[in-house]
Amino acid sequence: WFQCAMLLVASLLILHMVGWMHQHGRTLKTSLQNSAADKLSQGSGFGLLVLAMLAVGREGSETVVFLYGIGNQQQGQDLTGFVIGGVLGFVLALLSYAALQAGSRYFSWRRFFQVSEVMLLLLGGALLMAALDRFSGQLMGMDVPEVFYTVFGDPLWDTSALLDDGSALGGTLAGLTGYRAMPSLAAVVTLALYWLAAWAWLKPRAQVQLAARPA
C-alpha cells in the first residue's frame, strides 16, 4: 500500500508541477528576483537563506518522490539499468542545455518546455497506471464484491497481438506513457480523468475567459 501511495503522490506531483509551471513559469524568475532583492534591501541575509532553502528543498523533495516512484517499478537487474539511465539522463540534460544555449535561434526555450510538459504528463500517467496496478493487485487478493473484480480485473480489450506491454517495445511504452495491452475499466477511466484534468488545467486562459463570459 505504501508503494501504491508513493506512485500516486508522484503522479499527482508531476501533474501539479506541470500545471503550476505552465501558469507561473513566465513570472517565476522575476518573482524570485524581487523577493531576493526585498530581503537584501532589508538587510535580511537569513531571510534570503531561508528563501533559497525552501526553493531548493521543494524541488529536491519532488525529485526524490519522482525517482522513488519510477525506481519502484524496477526490480533486480532492471534497477541497475534505472541507475545507469539516471546518470545518462543527467548527462543528456547538460548536453541539451548546451545545445539550447548554442542554437536558440533554431529551437527556443519555449518549445523545449512545451515538449517537456508533454513528456512529464506522459510519465505522470504511467506512474498513475503503476499505482493502479498495485492497488488492483492488492484488491484482487481480498474478499470483495464481484463488481470490484469486474471493474479492476477484467480487460475491456486486448491489443497484445499488436503490441504486448510485456515486450521490450511495449514495456518501454508502458513505462513512459501508461500503455496497457489489456486495460481494465478502472484503468481506462482513471487515465481518461487524468488527461481531462491536465487539459482543463493547461488549456489557454483565453478559452477559460470566453467560456466564463455570459452569452
N, C-alpha and C. Protein backbone atom coordinates (compact mmCIF):
# COMPACT_ATOMS: atom_id res chain seq x y z
N TRP A 1 0.82 -1.20 0.00
CA TRP A 1 0.00 0.00 0.00
C TRP A 1 0.87 1.27 0.00
N PHE A 2 2.00 1.21 0.71
CA PHE A 2 2.88 2.37 0.75
C PHE A 2 3.43 2.69 -0.63
N GLN A 3 3.86 1.65 -1.36
CA GLN A 3 4.38 1.86 -2.70
C GLN A 3 3.30 2.40 -3.63
N CYS A 4 2.10 1.91 -3.47
CA CYS A 4 0.97 2.41 -4.26
C CYS A 4 0.75 3.89 -3.98
N ALA A 5 0.80 4.27 -2.71
CA ALA A 5 0.59 5.66 -2.33
C ALA A 5 1.70 6.55 -2.88
N MET A 6 2.95 6.08 -2.83
CA MET A 6 4.07 6.87 -3.33
C MET A 6 3.97 7.09 -4.83
N LEU A 7 3.57 6.06 -5.56
CA LEU A 7 3.38 6.20 -7.00
C LEU A 7 2.27 7.20 -7.31
N LEU A 8 1.19 7.14 -6.54
CA LEU A 8 0.09 8.07 -6.74
C LEU A 8 0.52 9.50 -6.44
N VAL A 9 1.25 9.69 -5.34
CA VAL A 9 1.73 11.02 -4.98
C VAL A 9 2.67 11.56 -6.06
N ALA A 10 3.56 10.71 -6.57
CA ALA A 10 4.49 11.13 -7.62
C ALA A 10 3.74 11.58 -8.87
N SER A 11 2.70 10.84 -9.24
CA SER A 11 1.90 11.19 -10.41
C SER A 11 1.20 12.53 -10.22
N LEU A 12 0.60 12.72 -9.06
CA LEU A 12 -0.12 13.97 -8.79
C LEU A 12 0.84 15.15 -8.68
N LEU A 13 2.03 14.91 -8.14
CA LEU A 13 3.04 15.96 -8.06
C LEU A 13 3.48 16.41 -9.45
N ILE A 14 3.64 15.46 -10.35
CA ILE A 14 4.01 15.82 -11.72
C ILE A 14 2.91 16.66 -12.36
N LEU A 15 1.66 16.24 -12.20
CA LEU A 15 0.54 17.00 -12.75
C LEU A 15 0.50 18.40 -12.16
N HIS A 16 0.68 18.50 -10.85
CA HIS A 16 0.65 19.80 -10.18
C HIS A 16 1.82 20.67 -10.64
N MET A 17 3.01 20.08 -10.74
CA MET A 17 4.19 20.84 -11.13
C MET A 17 4.06 21.39 -12.54
N VAL A 18 3.60 20.54 -13.46
CA VAL A 18 3.43 20.99 -14.85
C VAL A 18 2.38 22.09 -14.93
N GLY A 19 1.26 21.92 -14.24
CA GLY A 19 0.22 22.93 -14.25
C GLY A 19 0.68 24.24 -13.63
N TRP A 20 1.38 24.15 -12.50
CA TRP A 20 1.85 25.35 -11.81
C TRP A 20 2.88 26.09 -12.64
N MET A 21 3.82 25.37 -13.23
CA MET A 21 4.85 26.00 -14.06
C MET A 21 4.24 26.58 -15.32
N HIS A 22 3.22 25.93 -15.86
CA HIS A 22 2.56 26.45 -17.06
C HIS A 22 1.92 27.80 -16.79
N GLN A 23 1.39 27.98 -15.59
CA GLN A 23 0.71 29.22 -15.23
C GLN A 23 1.66 30.29 -14.71
N HIS A 24 2.72 29.88 -14.00
CA HIS A 24 3.58 30.85 -13.34
C HIS A 24 5.00 30.89 -13.89
N GLY A 25 5.30 30.06 -14.88
CA GLY A 25 6.67 29.97 -15.38
C GLY A 25 7.22 31.30 -15.90
N ARG A 26 6.37 32.09 -16.56
CA ARG A 26 6.85 33.34 -17.15
C ARG A 26 7.24 34.36 -16.09
N THR A 27 6.58 34.34 -14.96
CA THR A 27 6.84 35.35 -13.92
C THR A 27 7.66 34.80 -12.77
N LEU A 28 8.04 33.52 -12.84
CA LEU A 28 8.74 32.90 -11.71
C LEU A 28 10.10 33.55 -11.47
N LYS A 29 10.88 33.75 -12.53
CA LYS A 29 12.21 34.33 -12.37
C LYS A 29 12.11 35.73 -11.79
N THR A 30 11.20 36.55 -12.32
CA THR A 30 11.03 37.92 -11.81
C THR A 30 10.59 37.92 -10.37
N SER A 31 9.67 37.02 -10.02
CA SER A 31 9.18 36.94 -8.65
C SER A 31 10.29 36.57 -7.67
N LEU A 32 11.12 35.60 -8.05
CA LEU A 32 12.23 35.20 -7.18
C LEU A 32 13.25 36.32 -7.04
N GLN A 33 13.53 37.02 -8.15
CA GLN A 33 14.48 38.12 -8.09
C GLN A 33 13.96 39.25 -7.21
N ASN A 34 12.67 39.55 -7.32
CA ASN A 34 12.09 40.60 -6.49
C ASN A 34 12.12 40.23 -5.02
N SER A 35 11.80 38.96 -4.72
CA SER A 35 11.82 38.51 -3.33
C SER A 35 13.23 38.58 -2.76
N ALA A 36 14.22 38.17 -3.57
CA ALA A 36 15.61 38.23 -3.11
C ALA A 36 16.05 39.67 -2.91
N ALA A 37 15.65 40.56 -3.82
CA ALA A 37 16.01 41.97 -3.69
C ALA A 37 15.39 42.58 -2.44
N ASP A 38 14.15 42.22 -2.14
CA ASP A 38 13.49 42.73 -0.93
C ASP A 38 14.23 42.29 0.32
N LYS A 39 14.63 41.03 0.36
CA LYS A 39 15.35 40.52 1.53
C LYS A 39 16.69 41.23 1.70
N LEU A 40 17.38 41.46 0.57
CA LEU A 40 18.68 42.12 0.65
C LEU A 40 18.53 43.58 1.05
N SER A 41 17.48 44.26 0.53
CA SER A 41 17.28 45.66 0.88
C SER A 41 16.94 45.84 2.35
N GLN A 42 16.34 44.81 2.95
CA GLN A 42 16.01 44.84 4.37
C GLN A 42 17.19 44.39 5.23
N GLY A 43 18.28 44.03 4.57
CA GLY A 43 19.44 43.55 5.31
C GLY A 43 19.22 42.20 5.95
N SER A 44 18.29 41.44 5.38
CA SER A 44 17.94 40.14 5.96
C SER A 44 18.61 39.02 5.17
N GLY A 45 19.87 38.78 5.48
CA GLY A 45 20.57 37.68 4.83
C GLY A 45 19.98 36.34 5.20
N PHE A 46 19.49 36.24 6.44
CA PHE A 46 18.89 34.98 6.89
C PHE A 46 17.60 34.70 6.12
N GLY A 47 16.82 35.75 5.85
CA GLY A 47 15.59 35.58 5.08
C GLY A 47 15.87 35.08 3.68
N LEU A 48 16.95 35.60 3.06
CA LEU A 48 17.34 35.14 1.73
C LEU A 48 17.78 33.69 1.78
N LEU A 49 18.49 33.33 2.86
CA LEU A 49 18.92 31.94 3.03
C LEU A 49 17.72 31.01 3.13
N VAL A 50 16.71 31.41 3.91
CA VAL A 50 15.51 30.60 4.05
C VAL A 50 14.78 30.47 2.72
N LEU A 51 14.70 31.58 1.96
CA LEU A 51 14.05 31.56 0.65
C LEU A 51 14.73 30.56 -0.28
N ALA A 52 16.07 30.59 -0.30
CA ALA A 52 16.82 29.66 -1.14
C ALA A 52 16.63 28.22 -0.67
N MET A 53 16.63 28.01 0.65
CA MET A 53 16.46 26.66 1.19
C MET A 53 15.09 26.10 0.82
N LEU A 54 14.05 26.95 0.91
CA LEU A 54 12.70 26.49 0.58
C LEU A 54 12.59 26.13 -0.90
N ALA A 55 13.19 26.97 -1.77
CA ALA A 55 13.12 26.71 -3.21
C ALA A 55 13.83 25.41 -3.57
N VAL A 56 15.05 25.25 -3.05
CA VAL A 56 15.82 24.04 -3.34
C VAL A 56 15.18 22.81 -2.69
N GLY A 57 14.71 22.99 -1.44
CA GLY A 57 14.10 21.87 -0.73
C GLY A 57 12.85 21.36 -1.41
N ARG A 58 12.04 22.27 -1.94
CA ARG A 58 10.82 21.85 -2.63
C ARG A 58 11.15 21.04 -3.87
N GLU A 59 12.07 21.57 -4.69
CA GLU A 59 12.43 20.84 -5.91
C GLU A 59 13.10 19.52 -5.58
N GLY A 60 13.94 19.53 -4.54
CA GLY A 60 14.62 18.29 -4.16
C GLY A 60 13.67 17.22 -3.68
N SER A 61 12.67 17.63 -2.87
CA SER A 61 11.71 16.64 -2.37
C SER A 61 10.87 16.07 -3.50
N GLU A 62 10.49 16.92 -4.46
CA GLU A 62 9.73 16.42 -5.61
C GLU A 62 10.57 15.44 -6.42
N THR A 63 11.85 15.75 -6.59
CA THR A 63 12.74 14.86 -7.35
C THR A 63 12.85 13.50 -6.67
N VAL A 64 12.97 13.51 -5.34
CA VAL A 64 13.07 12.25 -4.59
C VAL A 64 11.82 11.40 -4.80
N VAL A 65 10.65 12.04 -4.72
CA VAL A 65 9.39 11.31 -4.89
C VAL A 65 9.28 10.76 -6.30
N PHE A 66 9.65 11.58 -7.32
CA PHE A 66 9.59 11.12 -8.70
C PHE A 66 10.48 9.91 -8.91
N LEU A 67 11.74 10.02 -8.45
CA LEU A 67 12.69 8.94 -8.66
C LEU A 67 12.27 7.68 -7.90
N TYR A 68 11.71 7.86 -6.71
CA TYR A 68 11.24 6.69 -5.96
C TYR A 68 10.10 6.01 -6.71
N GLY A 69 9.18 6.83 -7.24
CA GLY A 69 8.05 6.26 -7.98
C GLY A 69 8.49 5.52 -9.22
N ILE A 70 9.45 6.09 -9.96
CA ILE A 70 9.94 5.43 -11.17
C ILE A 70 10.76 4.19 -10.82
N GLY A 71 11.67 4.35 -9.85
CA GLY A 71 12.52 3.23 -9.46
C GLY A 71 11.75 2.10 -8.82
N ASN A 72 10.61 2.42 -8.23
CA ASN A 72 9.81 1.40 -7.57
C ASN A 72 9.21 0.41 -8.56
N GLN A 73 9.18 0.81 -9.84
CA GLN A 73 8.66 -0.08 -10.87
C GLN A 73 9.73 -1.06 -11.35
N GLN A 74 10.99 -0.83 -10.93
CA GLN A 74 12.09 -1.67 -11.38
C GLN A 74 12.44 -2.70 -10.32
N GLN A 75 12.92 -3.83 -10.75
CA GLN A 75 13.33 -4.89 -9.83
C GLN A 75 14.58 -5.57 -10.36
N GLY A 76 15.42 -6.06 -9.46
CA GLY A 76 16.59 -6.85 -9.85
C GLY A 76 17.51 -6.11 -10.78
N GLN A 77 17.81 -6.73 -11.93
CA GLN A 77 18.75 -6.15 -12.87
C GLN A 77 18.21 -4.87 -13.48
N ASP A 78 16.90 -4.75 -13.55
CA ASP A 78 16.31 -3.53 -14.10
C ASP A 78 16.69 -2.31 -13.28
N LEU A 79 16.92 -2.50 -11.98
CA LEU A 79 17.29 -1.38 -11.12
C LEU A 79 18.66 -0.83 -11.52
N THR A 80 19.56 -1.71 -11.93
CA THR A 80 20.87 -1.26 -12.42
C THR A 80 20.70 -0.41 -13.67
N GLY A 81 19.83 -0.85 -14.55
CA GLY A 81 19.53 -0.07 -15.75
C GLY A 81 18.91 1.27 -15.40
N PHE A 82 18.10 1.29 -14.34
CA PHE A 82 17.48 2.54 -13.91
C PHE A 82 18.54 3.54 -13.44
N VAL A 83 19.52 3.05 -12.67
CA VAL A 83 20.59 3.92 -12.18
C VAL A 83 21.43 4.44 -13.35
N ILE A 84 21.77 3.54 -14.27
CA ILE A 84 22.55 3.95 -15.44
C ILE A 84 21.76 4.97 -16.27
N GLY A 85 20.46 4.70 -16.41
CA GLY A 85 19.62 5.64 -17.15
C GLY A 85 19.56 7.00 -16.48
N GLY A 86 19.54 7.02 -15.14
CA GLY A 86 19.53 8.29 -14.43
C GLY A 86 20.80 9.09 -14.67
N VAL A 87 21.95 8.41 -14.66
CA VAL A 87 23.22 9.09 -14.93
C VAL A 87 23.26 9.61 -16.37
N LEU A 88 22.83 8.77 -17.31
CA LEU A 88 22.80 9.20 -18.71
C LEU A 88 21.82 10.35 -18.91
N GLY A 89 20.70 10.31 -18.18
CA GLY A 89 19.73 11.39 -18.27
C GLY A 89 20.32 12.71 -17.80
N PHE A 90 21.11 12.66 -16.73
CA PHE A 90 21.77 13.87 -16.23
C PHE A 90 22.74 14.42 -17.26
N VAL A 91 23.50 13.53 -17.89
CA VAL A 91 24.45 13.96 -18.93
C VAL A 91 23.71 14.56 -20.11
N LEU A 92 22.61 13.92 -20.52
CA LEU A 92 21.82 14.44 -21.63
C LEU A 92 21.19 15.78 -21.30
N ALA A 93 20.83 15.97 -20.04
CA ALA A 93 20.27 17.26 -19.62
C ALA A 93 21.30 18.37 -19.80
N LEU A 94 22.55 18.10 -19.41
CA LEU A 94 23.61 19.09 -19.60
C LEU A 94 23.86 19.36 -21.08
N LEU A 95 23.86 18.30 -21.89
CA LEU A 95 24.06 18.47 -23.33
C LEU A 95 22.90 19.24 -23.96
N SER A 96 21.67 18.97 -23.50
CA SER A 96 20.51 19.68 -24.02
C SER A 96 20.59 21.17 -23.70
N TYR A 97 21.02 21.47 -22.47
CA TYR A 97 21.17 22.88 -22.08
C TYR A 97 22.20 23.57 -22.96
N ALA A 98 23.33 22.90 -23.19
CA ALA A 98 24.37 23.49 -24.03
C ALA A 98 23.88 23.68 -25.46
N ALA A 99 23.13 22.70 -25.97
CA ALA A 99 22.61 22.80 -27.33
C ALA A 99 21.60 23.93 -27.46
N LEU A 100 20.75 24.09 -26.45
CA LEU A 100 19.76 25.16 -26.48
C LEU A 100 20.42 26.53 -26.40
N GLN A 101 21.45 26.63 -25.59
CA GLN A 101 22.17 27.89 -25.49
C GLN A 101 22.86 28.24 -26.80
N ALA A 102 23.39 27.23 -27.47
CA ALA A 102 24.13 27.47 -28.72
C ALA A 102 23.20 27.65 -29.92
N GLY A 103 22.06 26.97 -29.90
CA GLY A 103 21.18 27.02 -31.06
C GLY A 103 19.79 27.53 -30.76
N SER A 104 19.69 28.56 -29.92
CA SER A 104 18.38 29.09 -29.52
C SER A 104 17.60 29.65 -30.69
N ARG A 105 18.29 30.03 -31.76
CA ARG A 105 17.59 30.57 -32.92
C ARG A 105 16.82 29.49 -33.67
N TYR A 106 17.22 28.23 -33.49
CA TYR A 106 16.57 27.12 -34.18
C TYR A 106 15.55 26.40 -33.30
N PHE A 107 15.80 26.39 -32.00
CA PHE A 107 14.90 25.68 -31.09
C PHE A 107 14.81 26.49 -29.80
N SER A 108 13.68 27.14 -29.58
CA SER A 108 13.55 28.08 -28.47
C SER A 108 13.32 27.36 -27.15
N TRP A 109 13.59 28.07 -26.07
CA TRP A 109 13.32 27.54 -24.74
C TRP A 109 11.83 27.27 -24.54
N ARG A 110 11.01 28.12 -25.15
CA ARG A 110 9.56 27.93 -25.02
C ARG A 110 9.14 26.60 -25.61
N ARG A 111 9.67 26.27 -26.79
CA ARG A 111 9.34 24.99 -27.41
C ARG A 111 9.89 23.83 -26.58
N PHE A 112 11.07 24.02 -26.02
CA PHE A 112 11.67 22.98 -25.18
C PHE A 112 10.78 22.67 -23.98
N PHE A 113 10.26 23.71 -23.33
CA PHE A 113 9.42 23.48 -22.17
C PHE A 113 8.05 22.91 -22.55
N GLN A 114 7.56 23.23 -23.74
CA GLN A 114 6.31 22.64 -24.20
C GLN A 114 6.48 21.14 -24.40
N VAL A 115 7.59 20.74 -25.01
CA VAL A 115 7.87 19.31 -25.19
C VAL A 115 8.06 18.64 -23.83
N SER A 116 8.75 19.32 -22.92
CA SER A 116 8.97 18.77 -21.58
C SER A 116 7.66 18.56 -20.84
N GLU A 117 6.72 19.49 -21.00
CA GLU A 117 5.41 19.34 -20.35
C GLU A 117 4.72 18.07 -20.80
N VAL A 118 4.73 17.83 -22.11
CA VAL A 118 4.07 16.63 -22.64
C VAL A 118 4.74 15.37 -22.12
N MET A 119 6.07 15.35 -22.11
CA MET A 119 6.79 14.17 -21.65
C MET A 119 6.55 13.91 -20.16
N LEU A 120 6.51 14.98 -19.37
CA LEU A 120 6.26 14.82 -17.94
C LEU A 120 4.84 14.32 -17.68
N LEU A 121 3.88 14.84 -18.45
CA LEU A 121 2.49 14.39 -18.28
C LEU A 121 2.34 12.93 -18.67
N LEU A 122 3.03 12.51 -19.72
CA LEU A 122 3.02 11.09 -20.10
C LEU A 122 3.59 10.23 -18.98
N LEU A 123 4.69 10.70 -18.39
CA LEU A 123 5.31 9.96 -17.29
C LEU A 123 4.38 9.93 -16.08
N GLY A 124 3.69 11.05 -15.82
CA GLY A 124 2.73 11.08 -14.71
C GLY A 124 1.61 10.07 -14.91
N GLY A 125 1.14 9.95 -16.16
CA GLY A 125 0.12 8.95 -16.46
C GLY A 125 0.62 7.54 -16.26
N ALA A 126 1.90 7.30 -16.62
CA ALA A 126 2.49 5.97 -16.43
C ALA A 126 2.59 5.62 -14.95
N LEU A 127 2.99 6.58 -14.12
CA LEU A 127 3.07 6.35 -12.68
C LEU A 127 1.69 6.10 -12.09
N LEU A 128 0.69 6.82 -12.61
CA LEU A 128 -0.68 6.61 -12.14
C LEU A 128 -1.16 5.20 -12.45
N MET A 129 -0.84 4.72 -13.66
CA MET A 129 -1.21 3.36 -14.02
C MET A 129 -0.47 2.32 -13.18
N ALA A 130 0.79 2.61 -12.86
CA ALA A 130 1.55 1.69 -12.00
C ALA A 130 0.93 1.64 -10.61
N ALA A 131 0.48 2.79 -10.11
CA ALA A 131 -0.19 2.82 -8.80
C ALA A 131 -1.49 2.02 -8.84
N LEU A 132 -2.24 2.18 -9.94
CA LEU A 132 -3.49 1.44 -10.08
C LEU A 132 -3.24 -0.06 -10.18
N ASP A 133 -2.16 -0.45 -10.86
CA ASP A 133 -1.82 -1.88 -10.96
C ASP A 133 -1.57 -2.47 -9.58
N ARG A 134 -0.82 -1.75 -8.76
CA ARG A 134 -0.52 -2.26 -7.41
C ARG A 134 -1.79 -2.28 -6.55
N PHE A 135 -2.62 -1.25 -6.71
CA PHE A 135 -3.88 -1.21 -5.96
C PHE A 135 -4.78 -2.37 -6.37
N SER A 136 -4.86 -2.61 -7.69
CA SER A 136 -5.70 -3.70 -8.19
C SER A 136 -5.18 -5.04 -7.71
N GLY A 137 -3.85 -5.19 -7.70
CA GLY A 137 -3.26 -6.44 -7.23
C GLY A 137 -3.60 -6.72 -5.78
N GLN A 138 -3.55 -5.68 -4.95
CA GLN A 138 -3.93 -5.84 -3.55
C GLN A 138 -5.41 -6.17 -3.42
N LEU A 139 -6.21 -5.52 -4.26
CA LEU A 139 -7.66 -5.71 -4.19
C LEU A 139 -8.06 -7.11 -4.61
N MET A 140 -7.38 -7.64 -5.63
CA MET A 140 -7.72 -8.97 -6.12
C MET A 140 -7.44 -10.06 -5.08
N GLY A 141 -6.58 -9.77 -4.13
CA GLY A 141 -6.29 -10.75 -3.09
C GLY A 141 -7.19 -10.63 -1.88
N MET A 142 -8.17 -9.76 -1.95
CA MET A 142 -9.08 -9.55 -0.83
C MET A 142 -10.47 -10.10 -1.16
N ASP A 143 -11.25 -10.30 -0.15
CA ASP A 143 -12.62 -10.78 -0.32
C ASP A 143 -13.53 -9.57 -0.52
N VAL A 144 -13.73 -9.20 -1.78
CA VAL A 144 -14.53 -8.03 -2.12
C VAL A 144 -15.67 -8.45 -3.04
N PRO A 145 -16.70 -7.62 -3.18
CA PRO A 145 -17.81 -7.95 -4.08
C PRO A 145 -17.34 -8.18 -5.52
N GLU A 146 -18.08 -8.98 -6.25
CA GLU A 146 -17.71 -9.38 -7.61
C GLU A 146 -17.51 -8.18 -8.53
N VAL A 147 -18.26 -7.11 -8.29
CA VAL A 147 -18.16 -5.95 -9.17
C VAL A 147 -16.75 -5.35 -9.16
N PHE A 148 -16.04 -5.45 -8.04
CA PHE A 148 -14.68 -4.93 -7.97
C PHE A 148 -13.75 -5.72 -8.88
N TYR A 149 -13.94 -7.04 -8.94
CA TYR A 149 -13.13 -7.87 -9.83
C TYR A 149 -13.40 -7.51 -11.29
N THR A 150 -14.65 -7.18 -11.58
CA THR A 150 -15.01 -6.80 -12.95
C THR A 150 -14.39 -5.47 -13.34
N VAL A 151 -14.50 -4.49 -12.46
CA VAL A 151 -14.02 -3.14 -12.75
C VAL A 151 -12.50 -3.07 -12.78
N PHE A 152 -11.84 -3.73 -11.83
CA PHE A 152 -10.38 -3.61 -11.69
C PHE A 152 -9.60 -4.76 -12.33
N GLY A 153 -10.27 -5.85 -12.65
CA GLY A 153 -9.53 -7.01 -13.15
C GLY A 153 -9.82 -7.40 -14.58
N ASP A 154 -11.08 -7.33 -15.02
CA ASP A 154 -11.44 -7.79 -16.36
C ASP A 154 -11.01 -6.78 -17.42
N PRO A 155 -10.29 -7.23 -18.46
CA PRO A 155 -9.86 -6.30 -19.52
C PRO A 155 -11.01 -5.92 -20.44
N LEU A 156 -11.00 -4.67 -20.90
CA LEU A 156 -12.01 -4.21 -21.85
C LEU A 156 -11.67 -4.65 -23.27
N TRP A 157 -10.38 -4.73 -23.59
CA TRP A 157 -9.92 -5.19 -24.90
C TRP A 157 -8.53 -5.78 -24.76
N ASP A 158 -8.04 -6.35 -25.84
CA ASP A 158 -6.72 -6.99 -25.81
C ASP A 158 -5.98 -6.66 -27.10
N THR A 159 -4.96 -5.82 -26.99
CA THR A 159 -4.14 -5.45 -28.16
C THR A 159 -2.76 -6.10 -28.08
N SER A 160 -2.66 -7.20 -27.34
CA SER A 160 -1.36 -7.88 -27.19
C SER A 160 -0.82 -8.36 -28.53
N ALA A 161 -1.73 -8.71 -29.45
CA ALA A 161 -1.29 -9.19 -30.76
C ALA A 161 -0.59 -8.08 -31.54
N LEU A 162 -1.00 -6.83 -31.31
CA LEU A 162 -0.38 -5.70 -31.98
C LEU A 162 0.85 -5.21 -31.23
N LEU A 163 0.71 -5.03 -29.91
CA LEU A 163 1.83 -4.56 -29.09
C LEU A 163 1.62 -5.03 -27.66
N ASP A 164 2.38 -6.01 -27.27
CA ASP A 164 2.29 -6.57 -25.93
C ASP A 164 3.07 -5.69 -24.96
N ASP A 165 2.43 -5.28 -23.86
CA ASP A 165 3.14 -4.43 -22.91
C ASP A 165 4.19 -5.20 -22.11
N GLY A 166 4.32 -6.50 -22.37
CA GLY A 166 5.37 -7.28 -21.75
C GLY A 166 6.60 -7.41 -22.64
N SER A 167 6.50 -6.95 -23.89
CA SER A 167 7.65 -6.98 -24.80
C SER A 167 8.58 -5.81 -24.51
N ALA A 168 9.72 -5.81 -25.19
CA ALA A 168 10.70 -4.74 -24.97
C ALA A 168 10.12 -3.38 -25.35
N LEU A 169 9.55 -3.28 -26.56
CA LEU A 169 8.99 -2.02 -27.01
C LEU A 169 7.74 -1.66 -26.21
N GLY A 170 6.86 -2.64 -26.02
CA GLY A 170 5.63 -2.39 -25.27
C GLY A 170 5.90 -2.03 -23.83
N GLY A 171 6.90 -2.69 -23.22
CA GLY A 171 7.24 -2.38 -21.84
C GLY A 171 7.79 -0.97 -21.69
N THR A 172 8.60 -0.56 -22.68
CA THR A 172 9.13 0.81 -22.66
C THR A 172 8.00 1.82 -22.81
N LEU A 173 7.08 1.54 -23.74
CA LEU A 173 5.93 2.42 -23.93
C LEU A 173 5.05 2.46 -22.69
N ALA A 174 4.87 1.31 -22.05
CA ALA A 174 4.07 1.26 -20.82
C ALA A 174 4.73 2.06 -19.70
N GLY A 175 6.06 1.96 -19.59
CA GLY A 175 6.76 2.67 -18.54
C GLY A 175 6.80 4.17 -18.74
N LEU A 176 6.67 4.61 -20.00
CA LEU A 176 6.76 6.04 -20.30
C LEU A 176 5.40 6.70 -20.48
N THR A 177 4.37 5.93 -20.84
CA THR A 177 3.07 6.54 -21.14
C THR A 177 1.90 5.93 -20.39
N GLY A 178 2.09 4.76 -19.77
CA GLY A 178 0.98 4.10 -19.10
C GLY A 178 0.19 3.19 -20.01
N TYR A 179 0.74 2.85 -21.18
CA TYR A 179 0.06 1.95 -22.11
C TYR A 179 -0.19 0.59 -21.48
N ARG A 180 -1.39 0.05 -21.69
CA ARG A 180 -1.73 -1.29 -21.25
C ARG A 180 -2.39 -2.02 -22.41
N ALA A 181 -1.91 -3.23 -22.71
CA ALA A 181 -2.48 -4.02 -23.80
C ALA A 181 -3.86 -4.55 -23.43
N MET A 182 -4.07 -4.83 -22.15
CA MET A 182 -5.35 -5.34 -21.67
C MET A 182 -5.82 -4.49 -20.49
N PRO A 183 -6.29 -3.27 -20.77
CA PRO A 183 -6.67 -2.37 -19.68
C PRO A 183 -8.03 -2.72 -19.09
N SER A 184 -8.15 -2.53 -17.81
CA SER A 184 -9.45 -2.72 -17.15
C SER A 184 -10.27 -1.44 -17.28
N LEU A 185 -11.53 -1.53 -16.90
CA LEU A 185 -12.39 -0.34 -16.93
C LEU A 185 -11.82 0.73 -16.01
N ALA A 186 -11.32 0.34 -14.86
CA ALA A 186 -10.75 1.30 -13.92
C ALA A 186 -9.54 2.00 -14.53
N ALA A 187 -8.72 1.27 -15.28
CA ALA A 187 -7.53 1.86 -15.90
C ALA A 187 -7.92 2.88 -16.96
N VAL A 188 -8.89 2.54 -17.80
CA VAL A 188 -9.32 3.45 -18.86
C VAL A 188 -9.92 4.72 -18.27
N VAL A 189 -10.79 4.57 -17.29
CA VAL A 189 -11.45 5.72 -16.67
C VAL A 189 -10.43 6.59 -15.93
N THR A 190 -9.52 5.96 -15.19
CA THR A 190 -8.53 6.70 -14.42
C THR A 190 -7.62 7.51 -15.33
N LEU A 191 -7.11 6.89 -16.40
CA LEU A 191 -6.22 7.60 -17.30
C LEU A 191 -6.96 8.70 -18.06
N ALA A 192 -8.22 8.45 -18.41
CA ALA A 192 -9.02 9.47 -19.09
C ALA A 192 -9.24 10.68 -18.17
N LEU A 193 -9.54 10.44 -16.91
CA LEU A 193 -9.72 11.54 -15.96
C LEU A 193 -8.43 12.31 -15.74
N TYR A 194 -7.31 11.60 -15.73
CA TYR A 194 -6.01 12.25 -15.57
C TYR A 194 -5.76 13.24 -16.71
N TRP A 195 -5.97 12.78 -17.95
CA TRP A 195 -5.72 13.66 -19.09
C TRP A 195 -6.77 14.76 -19.20
N LEU A 196 -7.98 14.49 -18.75
CA LEU A 196 -9.00 15.54 -18.72
C LEU A 196 -8.61 16.63 -17.73
N ALA A 197 -8.10 16.23 -16.57
CA ALA A 197 -7.65 17.20 -15.58
C ALA A 197 -6.47 18.01 -16.11
N ALA A 198 -5.55 17.34 -16.81
CA ALA A 198 -4.39 18.04 -17.38
C ALA A 198 -4.84 19.04 -18.44
N TRP A 199 -5.77 18.64 -19.29
CA TRP A 199 -6.26 19.55 -20.33
C TRP A 199 -6.98 20.74 -19.71
N ALA A 200 -7.81 20.50 -18.70
CA ALA A 200 -8.56 21.58 -18.07
C ALA A 200 -7.62 22.58 -17.41
N TRP A 201 -6.51 22.10 -16.87
CA TRP A 201 -5.56 22.97 -16.19
C TRP A 201 -4.68 23.74 -17.16
N LEU A 202 -4.31 23.11 -18.28
CA LEU A 202 -3.33 23.69 -19.19
C LEU A 202 -3.93 24.42 -20.38
N LYS A 203 -5.23 24.32 -20.59
CA LYS A 203 -5.80 24.99 -21.76
C LYS A 203 -5.62 26.50 -21.63
N PRO A 204 -5.47 27.19 -22.77
CA PRO A 204 -5.20 28.63 -22.75
C PRO A 204 -6.22 29.40 -21.93
N ARG A 205 -5.75 30.43 -21.24
CA ARG A 205 -6.64 31.22 -20.39
C ARG A 205 -7.72 31.92 -21.20
N ALA A 206 -7.40 32.25 -22.47
CA ALA A 206 -8.39 32.92 -23.30
C ALA A 206 -9.63 32.07 -23.45
N GLN A 207 -9.44 30.74 -23.58
CA GLN A 207 -10.58 29.84 -23.70
C GLN A 207 -11.37 29.81 -22.41
N VAL A 208 -10.65 29.87 -21.27
CA VAL A 208 -11.32 29.86 -19.98
C VAL A 208 -12.16 31.12 -19.81
N GLN A 209 -11.58 32.29 -20.20
CA GLN A 209 -12.29 33.55 -20.05
C GLN A 209 -13.52 33.60 -20.95
N LEU A 210 -13.37 33.11 -22.20
CA LEU A 210 -14.51 33.10 -23.10
C LEU A 210 -15.62 32.19 -22.60
N ALA A 211 -15.22 31.06 -22.02
CA ALA A 211 -16.21 30.12 -21.50
C ALA A 211 -16.93 30.69 -20.29
N ALA A 212 -16.25 31.58 -19.55
CA ALA A 212 -16.85 32.14 -18.34
C ALA A 212 -17.77 33.31 -18.63
N ARG A 213 -17.65 33.92 -19.83
CA ARG A 213 -18.49 35.06 -20.16
C ARG A 213 -19.93 34.62 -20.41
N PRO A 214 -20.90 35.42 -19.96
CA PRO A 214 -22.30 35.09 -20.23
C PRO A 214 -22.62 35.28 -21.70
N ALA A 215 -23.50 34.47 -22.20
CA ALA A 215 -23.86 34.56 -23.61
C ALA A 215 -24.65 35.83 -23.88
